[in-house]
Amino acid sequence: MPSNELYLAVLPLVHITTNPVLGYGLTEETLTVFPEKDFATKFFPDEVDKYILAFEGRANKYLIGHVTGYEFHKEPTAEH
């Protein structure tokens, strides 16, 4: 069965709109995955488990299609 190695990243989002009712400056973080390790977020050790659990829970429940499932593995970084 084919598989892809994907790396978790946290992307900050700042919403820009001319309509203040829609939340100009609303700030949030978004989790996504990339096929390149260079784009991955280098997490602090005390944060990584929480981000993995958040993505894993949502991905296995809501990301459907030709995906049969996700496996998650932590990798150490040079800094941590």
Protein backbone atom coordinates (compact mmCIF):
# COMPACT_ATOMS: atom_id res chain seq x y z
CA MET A 1 0.00 0.00 0.00
CA PRO A 2 1.46 3.41 -0.91
CA SER A 3 2.29 5.83 1.87
CA ASN A 4 3.53 9.39 2.22
CA GLU A 5 5.70 10.88 4.91
CA LEU A 6 4.22 14.18 5.97
CA TYR A 7 5.53 16.61 8.57
CA LEU A 8 3.36 18.62 10.96
CA ALA A 9 3.45 22.41 10.88
CA VAL A 10 1.65 25.12 12.82
CA LEU A 11 0.79 28.12 10.66
CA PRO A 12 -0.16 31.43 12.25
CA LEU A 13 -3.08 33.18 10.57
CA VAL A 14 -4.00 36.83 10.92
CA HIS A 15 -7.28 37.71 9.22
CA ILE A 16 -7.35 40.91 7.21
CA THR A 17 -10.71 42.37 6.20
CA THR A 18 -12.13 45.81 5.60
CA ASN A 19 -15.24 44.81 7.56
CA PRO A 20 -14.48 45.00 11.32
CA VAL A 21 -17.56 42.87 12.07
CA LEU A 22 -15.82 39.94 10.34
CA GLY A 23 -12.94 40.13 12.77
CA TYR A 24 -10.12 42.28 11.43
CA GLY A 25 -6.93 41.10 13.08
CA LEU A 26 -8.47 37.87 14.38
CA THR A 27 -5.48 35.62 15.03
CA GLU A 28 -5.35 31.85 15.15
CA GLU A 29 -3.09 28.89 14.54
CA THR A 30 -3.74 26.22 11.92
CA LEU A 31 -2.28 22.73 11.82
CA THR A 32 -1.29 21.29 8.46
CA VAL A 33 1.18 18.80 7.02
CA PHE A 34 3.87 19.15 4.37
CA PRO A 35 5.82 16.54 2.42
CA GLU A 36 9.09 18.37 3.15
CA LYS A 37 10.76 18.17 6.55
CA ASP A 38 12.16 21.69 6.05
CA PHE A 39 8.63 23.12 6.38
CA ALA A 40 7.86 21.30 9.63
CA THR A 41 7.52 23.25 12.84
CA LYS A 42 10.26 22.61 15.38
CA PHE A 43 8.20 22.17 18.53
CA PHE A 44 9.33 22.56 22.10
CA PRO A 45 9.30 19.17 23.86
CA ASP A 46 6.45 20.20 26.17
CA GLU A 47 4.25 21.21 23.19
CA VAL A 48 4.71 18.44 20.66
CA ASP A 49 2.35 15.86 22.21
CA LYS A 50 -0.53 18.31 22.39
CA TYR A 51 -0.20 19.24 18.71
CA ILE A 52 0.10 15.61 17.62
CA LEU A 53 -2.99 14.63 19.62
CA ALA A 54 -4.97 17.55 18.20
CA PHE A 55 -4.09 16.71 14.61
CA GLU A 56 -4.45 12.96 15.07
CA GLY A 57 -7.91 13.23 16.58
CA ARG A 58 -9.25 15.48 13.86
CA ALA A 59 -7.47 13.79 10.96
CA ASN A 60 -8.68 10.29 11.76
CA LYS A 61 -12.24 11.52 12.17
CA TYR A 62 -12.67 14.15 9.44
CA LEU A 63 -9.96 13.80 6.77
CA ILE A 64 -11.44 11.14 4.54
CA GLY A 65 -11.24 10.19 0.91
CA HIS A 66 -8.46 8.01 -0.44
CA VAL A 67 -6.67 8.10 2.93
CA THR A 68 -6.89 4.89 4.91
CA GLY A 69 -5.38 6.33 8.08
CA TYR A 70 -2.57 8.25 9.70
CA GLU A 71 0.36 7.09 11.78
CA PHE A 72 2.21 9.56 13.98
CA HIS A 73 5.84 9.40 15.04
CA LYS A 74 7.88 11.99 16.91
CA GLU A 75 11.29 12.89 15.52
CA PRO A 76 13.90 14.75 17.54
CA THR A 77 15.28 17.98 16.15
CA ALA A 78 18.82 19.30 16.51
CA GLU A 79 17.62 21.95 18.97
CA HIS A 80 15.44 19.61 21.07
